Each structure stands twice: as structure tokens, then as C-alpha cells.
């Protein structure tokens, strides 16, 4: 379901959107796609931050495990 809203944009931004007119059916389509892409970017960034926090939380254990495995390697 589409909902009609009113937004305020700078003239420069609107001009730059209009320069892409051939690629989109309307300004609304352009803005909807842009917002969707940005929300996807934010969600991905959030997930990467959570993953990094988990890795950092377990870093000492993971590094100790890696050192243990490396100790079994035979020098070449």
C-alpha cells in the first residue's frame, strides 16, 4: 500500500534527482528506491557491528585456539 506524504528537499537535490528522470518512472520511485537501499545499508552495518562485537568478545579464546593449532604445524 502506498501512502502519500509531503517532504521538503533542497532545490539542488531535486535538480540532481530530476537529472536521473530517464532511469525512473517518477521522483517517488527514485526516493523509494534510495530510502530502501539506505535502510538496507543501515541494517547491514548494524549486523556487521554486532558480529564484530561477538568476535571481539571471544577474541582471546579464538586467538588461543589458533595458536594451539599452529603449534602442531611442522616447520618447512
PDB file of N, CA and C in Angstrom:
ATOM      1  N   UNK A   1       0.835  -1.175   0.000  1.00  0.00           N
ATOM      2  CA  UNK A   1       0.000   0.000   0.000  1.00  0.00           C
ATOM      3  C   UNK A   1       0.888   1.249   0.000  1.00  0.00           C
ATOM      4  N   UNK A   2       0.637   2.130  -0.886  1.00  0.00           N
ATOM      5  CA  UNK A   2       1.373   3.390  -0.987  1.00  0.00           C
ATOM      6  C   UNK A   2       0.633   4.454  -0.184  1.00  0.00           C
ATOM      7  N   UNK A   3       1.409   5.328   0.460  1.00  0.00           N
ATOM      8  CA  UNK A   3       0.848   6.423   1.238  1.00  0.00           C
ATOM      9  C   UNK A   3       1.423   7.725   0.709  1.00  0.00           C
ATOM     10  N   UNK A   4       0.594   8.699   0.500  1.00  0.00           N
ATOM     11  CA  UNK A   4       1.046   9.999   0.007  1.00  0.00           C
ATOM     12  C   UNK A   4       1.575  10.808   1.187  1.00  0.00           C
ATOM     13  N   UNK A   5       2.783  11.368   1.010  1.00  0.00           N
ATOM     14  CA  UNK A   5       3.379  12.222   2.024  1.00  0.00           C
ATOM     15  C   UNK A   5       3.900  13.492   1.377  1.00  0.00           C
ATOM     16  N   UNK A   6       4.293  14.418   2.184  1.00  0.00           N
ATOM     17  CA  UNK A   6       4.878  15.652   1.678  1.00  0.00           C
ATOM     18  C   UNK A   6       6.247  15.806   2.315  1.00  0.00           C
ATOM     19  N   UNK A   7       7.272  16.058   1.503  1.00  0.00           N
ATOM     20  CA  UNK A   7       8.621  16.267   2.020  1.00  0.00           C
ATOM     21  C   UNK A   7       9.196  17.546   1.435  1.00  0.00           C
ATOM     22  N   UNK A   8      10.200  18.051   2.104  1.00  0.00           N
ATOM     23  CA  UNK A   8      10.869  19.259   1.637  1.00  0.00           C
ATOM     24  C   UNK A   8      12.308  18.901   1.295  1.00  0.00           C
ATOM     25  N   UNK A   9      12.722  19.244   0.071  1.00  0.00           N
ATOM     26  CA  UNK A   9      14.075  18.973  -0.397  1.00  0.00           C
ATOM     27  C   UNK A   9      14.706  20.262  -0.888  1.00  0.00           C
ATOM     28  N   UNK A  10      16.022  20.302  -0.852  1.00  0.00           N
ATOM     29  CA  UNK A  10      16.702  21.470  -1.404  1.00  0.00           C
ATOM     30  C   UNK A  10      16.534  21.468  -2.923  1.00  0.00           C
ATOM     31  N   UNK A  11      16.599  22.639  -3.511  1.00  0.00           N
ATOM     32  CA  UNK A  11      16.474  22.749  -4.968  1.00  0.00           C
ATOM     33  C   UNK A  11      17.590  21.973  -5.662  1.00  0.00           C
ATOM     34  N   UNK A  12      18.787  22.023  -5.097  1.00  0.00           N
ATOM     35  CA  UNK A  12      19.913  21.321  -5.706  1.00  0.00           C
ATOM     36  C   UNK A  12      19.669  19.814  -5.729  1.00  0.00           C
ATOM     37  N   UNK A  13      19.198  19.266  -4.607  1.00  0.00           N
ATOM     38  CA  UNK A  13      18.924  17.828  -4.560  1.00  0.00           C
ATOM     39  C   UNK A  13      17.823  17.460  -5.541  1.00  0.00           C
ATOM     40  N   UNK A  14      16.781  18.242  -5.585  1.00  0.00           N
ATOM     41  CA  UNK A  14      15.682  17.972  -6.514  1.00  0.00           C
ATOM     42  C   UNK A  14      16.161  18.032  -7.964  1.00  0.00           C
ATOM     43  N   UNK A  15      17.015  18.993  -8.278  1.00  0.00           N
ATOM     44  CA  UNK A  15      17.578  19.099  -9.628  1.00  0.00           C
ATOM     45  C   UNK A  15      18.382  17.846  -9.966  1.00  0.00           C
ATOM     46  N   UNK A  16      19.183  17.363  -8.995  1.00  0.00           N
ATOM     47  CA  UNK A  16      20.001  16.166  -9.248  1.00  0.00           C
ATOM     48  C   UNK A  16      19.132  14.925  -9.410  1.00  0.00           C
ATOM     49  N   UNK A  17      18.045  14.853  -8.666  1.00  0.00           N
ATOM     50  CA  UNK A  17      17.101  13.736  -8.840  1.00  0.00           C
ATOM     51  C   UNK A  17      16.479  13.809 -10.234  1.00  0.00           C
ATOM     52  N   UNK A  18      16.065  14.994 -10.621  1.00  0.00           N
ATOM     53  CA  UNK A  18      15.439  15.173 -11.936  1.00  0.00           C
ATOM     54  C   UNK A  18      16.387  14.839 -13.085  1.00  0.00           C
ATOM     55  N   UNK A  19      17.687  14.986 -12.879  1.00  0.00           N
ATOM     56  CA  UNK A  19      18.655  14.627 -13.918  1.00  0.00           C
ATOM     57  C   UNK A  19      18.647  13.122 -14.175  1.00  0.00           C
ATOM     58  N   UNK A  20      18.154  12.355 -13.235  1.00  0.00           N
ATOM     59  CA  UNK A  20      18.049  10.895 -13.383  1.00  0.00           C
ATOM     60  C   UNK A  20      16.667  10.464 -13.857  1.00  0.00           C
ATOM     61  N   UNK A  21      15.858  11.389 -14.288  1.00  0.00           N
ATOM     62  CA  UNK A  21      14.469  11.132 -14.663  1.00  0.00           C
ATOM     63  C   UNK A  21      14.314   9.961 -15.621  1.00  0.00           C
ATOM     64  N   UNK A  22      15.223   9.819 -16.567  1.00  0.00           N
ATOM     65  CA  UNK A  22      15.104   8.748 -17.566  1.00  0.00           C
ATOM     66  C   UNK A  22      15.213   7.361 -16.936  1.00  0.00           C
ATOM     67  N   UNK A  23      15.878   7.262 -15.786  1.00  0.00           N
ATOM     68  CA  UNK A  23      16.098   5.966 -15.152  1.00  0.00           C
ATOM     69  C   UNK A  23      14.928   5.527 -14.271  1.00  0.00           C
ATOM     70  N   UNK A  24      14.033   6.449 -13.932  1.00  0.00           N
ATOM     71  CA  UNK A  24      12.944   6.162 -13.001  1.00  0.00           C
ATOM     72  C   UNK A  24      11.627   6.677 -13.551  1.00  0.00           C
ATOM     73  N   UNK A  25      10.552   6.038 -13.125  1.00  0.00           N
ATOM     74  CA  UNK A  25       9.230   6.448 -13.602  1.00  0.00           C
ATOM     75  C   UNK A  25       8.803   7.771 -12.975  1.00  0.00           C
ATOM     76  N   UNK A  26       9.297   8.028 -11.760  1.00  0.00           N
ATOM     77  CA  UNK A  26       8.873   9.244 -11.061  1.00  0.00           C
ATOM     78  C   UNK A  26       9.872   9.588  -9.959  1.00  0.00           C
ATOM     79  N   UNK A  27       9.739  10.782  -9.422  1.00  0.00           N
ATOM     80  CA  UNK A  27      10.549  11.158  -8.263  1.00  0.00           C
ATOM     81  C   UNK A  27      10.259  10.223  -7.098  1.00  0.00           C
ATOM     82  N   UNK A  28       9.004   9.853  -6.956  1.00  0.00           N
ATOM     83  CA  UNK A  28       8.619   8.951  -5.863  1.00  0.00           C
ATOM     84  C   UNK A  28       9.350   7.619  -5.959  1.00  0.00           C
ATOM     85  N   UNK A  29       9.423   7.071  -7.162  1.00  0.00           N
ATOM     86  CA  UNK A  29      10.131   5.801  -7.340  1.00  0.00           C
ATOM     87  C   UNK A  29      11.601   5.969  -6.968  1.00  0.00           C
ATOM     88  N   UNK A  30      12.208   7.062  -7.412  1.00  0.00           N
ATOM     89  CA  UNK A  30      13.608   7.317  -7.087  1.00  0.00           C
ATOM     90  C   UNK A  30      13.803   7.368  -5.571  1.00  0.00           C
ATOM     91  N   UNK A  31      12.979   8.156  -4.890  1.00  0.00           N
ATOM     92  CA  UNK A  31      13.130   8.323  -3.444  1.00  0.00           C
ATOM     93  C   UNK A  31      12.830   7.032  -2.680  1.00  0.00           C
ATOM     94  N   UNK A  32      11.863   6.260  -3.164  1.00  0.00           N
ATOM     95  CA  UNK A  32      11.557   4.983  -2.511  1.00  0.00           C
ATOM     96  C   UNK A  32      12.731   4.017  -2.640  1.00  0.00           C
ATOM     97  N   UNK A  33      13.304   3.943  -3.842  1.00  0.00           N
ATOM     98  CA  UNK A  33      14.474   3.070  -4.037  1.00  0.00           C
ATOM     99  C   UNK A  33      15.660   3.527  -3.206  1.00  0.00           C
ATOM    100  N   UNK A  34      15.891   4.846  -3.159  1.00  0.00           N
ATOM    101  CA  UNK A  34      17.004   5.394  -2.383  1.00  0.00           C
ATOM    102  C   UNK A  34      16.826   5.091  -0.898  1.00  0.00           C
ATOM    103  N   UNK A  35      15.619   5.283  -0.388  1.00  0.00           N
ATOM    104  CA  UNK A  35      15.357   5.012   1.027  1.00  0.00           C
ATOM    105  C   UNK A  35      15.517   3.519   1.330  1.00  0.00           C
ATOM    106  N   UNK A  36      15.031   2.666   0.449  1.00  0.00           N
ATOM    107  CA  UNK A  36      15.161   1.219   0.637  1.00  0.00           C
ATOM    108  C   UNK A  36      16.632   0.807   0.668  1.00  0.00           C
ATOM    109  N   UNK A  37      17.420   1.328  -0.259  1.00  0.00           N
ATOM    110  CA  UNK A  37      18.848   0.999  -0.317  1.00  0.00           C
ATOM    111  C   UNK A  37      19.561   1.484   0.944  1.00  0.00           C
ATOM    112  N   UNK A  38      19.217   2.678   1.408  1.00  0.00           N
ATOM    113  CA  UNK A  38      19.870   3.219   2.596  1.00  0.00           C
ATOM    114  C   UNK A  38      19.486   2.419   3.839  1.00  0.00           C
ATOM    115  N   UNK A  39      18.226   2.035   3.953  1.00  0.00           N
ATOM    116  CA  UNK A  39      17.804   1.212   5.096  1.00  0.00           C
ATOM    117  C   UNK A  39      18.497  -0.148   5.078  1.00  0.00           C
ATOM    118  N   UNK A  40      18.686  -0.736   3.891  1.00  0.00           N
ATOM    119  CA  UNK A  40      19.425  -1.994   3.768  1.00  0.00           C
ATOM    120  C   UNK A  40      20.862  -1.789   4.227  1.00  0.00           C
ATOM    121  N   UNK A  41      21.478  -0.676   3.804  1.00  0.00           N
ATOM    122  CA  UNK A  41      22.846  -0.348   4.214  1.00  0.00           C
ATOM    123  C   UNK A  41      22.940  -0.225   5.733  1.00  0.00           C
ATOM    124  N   UNK A  42      21.986   0.461   6.354  1.00  0.00           N
ATOM    125  CA  UNK A  42      21.993   0.621   7.807  1.00  0.00           C
ATOM    126  C   UNK A  42      21.865  -0.731   8.518  1.00  0.00           C
ATOM    127  N   UNK A  43      20.982  -1.584   8.021  1.00  0.00           N
ATOM    128  CA  UNK A  43      20.784  -2.905   8.626  1.00  0.00           C
ATOM    129  C   UNK A  43      22.050  -3.744   8.496  1.00  0.00           C
ATOM    130  N   UNK A  44      22.696  -3.694   7.336  1.00  0.00           N
ATOM    131  CA  UNK A  44      23.929  -4.452   7.126  1.00  0.00           C
ATOM    132  C   UNK A  44      25.043  -3.942   8.049  1.00  0.00           C
ATOM    133  N   UNK A  45      25.151  -2.625   8.179  1.00  0.00           N
ATOM    134  CA  UNK A  45      26.161  -2.034   9.057  1.00  0.00           C
ATOM    135  C   UNK A  45      25.919  -2.446  10.511  1.00  0.00           C
ATOM    136  N   UNK A  46      24.660  -2.449  10.927  1.00  0.00           N
ATOM    137  CA  UNK A  46      24.296  -2.873  12.279  1.00  0.00           C
ATOM    138  C   UNK A  46      24.702  -4.332  12.510  1.00  0.00           C
ATOM    139  N   UNK A  47      24.406  -5.188  11.549  1.00  0.00           N
ATOM    140  CA  UNK A  47      24.739  -6.612  11.669  1.00  0.00           C
ATOM    141  C   UNK A  47      26.254  -6.794  11.743  1.00  0.00           C
ATOM    142  N   UNK A  48      27.001  -6.042  10.934  1.00  0.00           N
ATOM    143  CA  UNK A  48      28.462  -6.141  10.968  1.00  0.00           C
ATOM    144  C   UNK A  48      29.008  -5.690  12.321  1.00  0.00           C
ATOM    145  N   UNK A  49      28.415  -4.643  12.910  1.00  0.00           N
ATOM    146  CA  UNK A  49      28.835  -4.183  14.238  1.00  0.00           C
ATOM    147  C   UNK A  49      28.575  -5.263  15.291  1.00  0.00           C
ATOM    148  N   UNK A  50      27.400  -5.903  15.207  1.00  0.00           N
ATOM    149  CA  UNK A  50      27.076  -6.970  16.162  1.00  0.00           C
ATOM    150  C   UNK A  50      28.058  -8.132  16.005  1.00  0.00           C
ATOM    151  N   UNK A  51      28.341  -8.514  14.745  1.00  0.00           N
ATOM    152  CA  UNK A  51      29.278  -9.607  14.503  1.00  0.00           C
ATOM    153  C   UNK A  51      30.660  -9.280  15.054  1.00  0.00           C
ATOM    154  N   UNK A  52      31.121  -8.060  14.832  1.00  0.00           N
ATOM    155  CA  UNK A  52      32.426  -7.646  15.318  1.00  0.00           C
ATOM    156  C   UNK A  52      32.467  -7.661  16.843  1.00  0.00           C
ATOM    157  N   UNK A  53      31.387  -7.245  17.478  1.00  0.00           N
ATOM    158  CA  UNK A  53      31.325  -7.266  18.943  1.00  0.00           C
ATOM    159  C   UNK A  53      31.431  -8.703  19.465  1.00  0.00           C
ATOM    160  N   UNK A  54      30.770  -9.627  18.774  1.00  0.00           N
ATOM    161  CA  UNK A  54      30.832 -11.040  19.180  1.00  0.00           C
ATOM    162  C   UNK A  54      32.249 -11.574  19.010  1.00  0.00           C
ATOM    163  N   UNK A  55      32.865 -11.269  17.879  1.00  0.00           N
ATOM    164  CA  UNK A  55      34.240 -11.713  17.624  1.00  0.00           C
ATOM    165  C   UNK A  55      35.181 -11.140  18.680  1.00  0.00           C
ATOM    166  N   UNK A  56      35.046  -9.842  18.950  1.00  0.00           N
ATOM    167  CA  UNK A  56      35.914  -9.206  19.948  1.00  0.00           C
ATOM    168  C   UNK A  56      35.697  -9.790  21.341  1.00  0.00           C
ATOM    169  N   UNK A  57      34.454 -10.147  21.630  1.00  0.00           N
ATOM    170  CA  UNK A  57      34.130 -10.742  22.927  1.00  0.00           C
ATOM    171  C   UNK A  57      34.847 -12.082  23.116  1.00  0.00           C
ATOM    172  N   UNK A  58      35.045 -12.803  22.034  1.00  0.00           N
ATOM    173  CA  UNK A  58      35.654 -14.133  22.093  1.00  0.00           C
ATOM    174  C   UNK A  58      37.077 -14.149  21.538  1.00  0.00           C
ATOM    175  N   UNK A  59      37.679 -12.991  21.332  1.00  0.00           N
ATOM    176  CA  UNK A  59      38.980 -12.891  20.671  1.00  0.00           C
ATOM    177  C   UNK A  59      40.071 -13.668  21.408  1.00  0.00           C
ATOM    178  N   UNK A  60      40.139 -13.551  22.720  1.00  0.00           N
ATOM    179  CA  UNK A  60      41.204 -14.243  23.466  1.00  0.00           C
ATOM    180  C   UNK A  60      41.117 -15.754  23.259  1.00  0.00           C
ATOM    181  N   UNK A  61      39.908 -16.277  23.371  1.00  0.00           N
ATOM    182  CA  UNK A  61      39.727 -17.725  23.189  1.00  0.00           C
ATOM    183  C   UNK A  61      40.057 -18.138  21.749  1.00  0.00           C
ATOM    184  N   UNK A  62      39.585 -17.375  20.771  1.00  0.00           N
ATOM    185  CA  UNK A  62      39.844 -17.704  19.367  1.00  0.00           C
ATOM    186  C   UNK A  62      41.334 -17.625  19.042  1.00  0.00           C
ATOM    187  N   UNK A  63      42.015 -16.623  19.569  1.00  0.00           N
ATOM    188  CA  UNK A  63      43.460 -16.495  19.334  1.00  0.00           C
ATOM    189  C   UNK A  63      44.230 -17.633  19.990  1.00  0.00           C
ATOM    190  N   UNK A  64      43.826 -18.033  21.188  1.00  0.00           N
ATOM    191  CA  UNK A  64      44.481 -19.152  21.866  1.00  0.00           C
ATOM    192  C   UNK A  64      44.298 -20.434  21.070  1.00  0.00           C
ATOM    193  N   UNK A  65      43.099 -20.632  20.537  1.00  0.00           N
ATOM    194  CA  UNK A  65      42.827 -21.807  19.710  1.00  0.00           C
ATOM    195  C   UNK A  65      43.711 -21.809  18.470  1.00  0.00           C
ATOM    196  N   UNK A  66      43.832 -20.661  17.812  1.00  0.00           N
ATOM    197  CA  UNK A  66      44.654 -20.553  16.609  1.00  0.00           C
ATOM    198  C   UNK A  66      46.122 -20.837  16.932  1.00  0.00           C
ATOM    199  N   UNK A  67      46.603 -20.313  18.043  1.00  0.00           N
ATOM    200  CA  UNK A  67      47.990 -20.571  18.437  1.00  0.00           C
ATOM    201  C   UNK A  67      48.212 -22.052  18.717  1.00  0.00           C
ATOM    202  N   UNK A  68      47.232 -22.712  19.327  1.00  0.00           N
ATOM    203  CA  UNK A  68      47.330 -24.143  19.601  1.00  0.00           C
ATOM    204  C   UNK A  68      47.419 -24.933  18.299  1.00  0.00           C
ATOM    205  N   UNK A  69      46.592 -24.593  17.344  1.00  0.00           N
ATOM    206  CA  UNK A  69      46.602 -25.286  16.049  1.00  0.00           C
ATOM    207  C   UNK A  69      47.939 -25.050  15.342  1.00  0.00           C
ATOM    208  N   UNK A  70      48.427 -23.831  15.391  1.00  0.00           N
ATOM    209  CA  UNK A  70      49.702 -23.517  14.732  1.00  0.00           C
ATOM    210  C   UNK A  70      50.863 -24.268  15.369  1.00  0.00           C
ATOM    211  N   UNK A  71      50.743 -24.595  16.624  1.00  0.00           N
ATOM    212  CA  UNK A  71      51.830 -25.315  17.308  1.00  0.00           C
ATOM    213  C   UNK A  71      52.006 -26.734  16.739  1.00  0.00           C
ATOM    214  N   UNK A  72      50.973 -27.260  16.112  1.00  0.00           N
ATOM    215  CA  UNK A  72      51.050 -28.593  15.515  1.00  0.00           C
ATOM    216  C   UNK A  72      51.680 -28.603  14.133  1.00  0.00           C
ATOM    217  N   UNK A  73      51.891 -27.428  13.554  1.00  0.00           N
ATOM    218  CA  UNK A  73      52.485 -27.370  12.216  1.00  0.00           C
ATOM    219  C   UNK A  73      53.964 -27.730  12.258  1.00  0.00           C
ATOM    220  N   UNK A  74      54.363 -28.434  11.229  1.00  0.00           N
ATOM    221  CA  UNK A  74      55.742 -28.831  11.087  1.00  0.00           C
ATOM    222  C   UNK A  74      56.487 -27.737  10.306  1.00  0.00           C
ATOM    223  N   UNK A  75      57.637 -27.263  10.786  1.00  0.00           N
ATOM    224  CA  UNK A  75      58.375 -26.249  10.040  1.00  0.00           C
ATOM    225  C   UNK A  75      58.771 -26.801   8.656  1.00  0.00           C
ATOM    226  N   UNK A  76      58.731 -26.002   7.660  1.00  0.00           N
ATOM    227  CA  UNK A  76      59.102 -26.432   6.303  1.00  0.00           C
ATOM    228  C   UNK A  76      60.545 -26.189   6.031  1.00  0.00           C
TER     229      UNK A  76
END
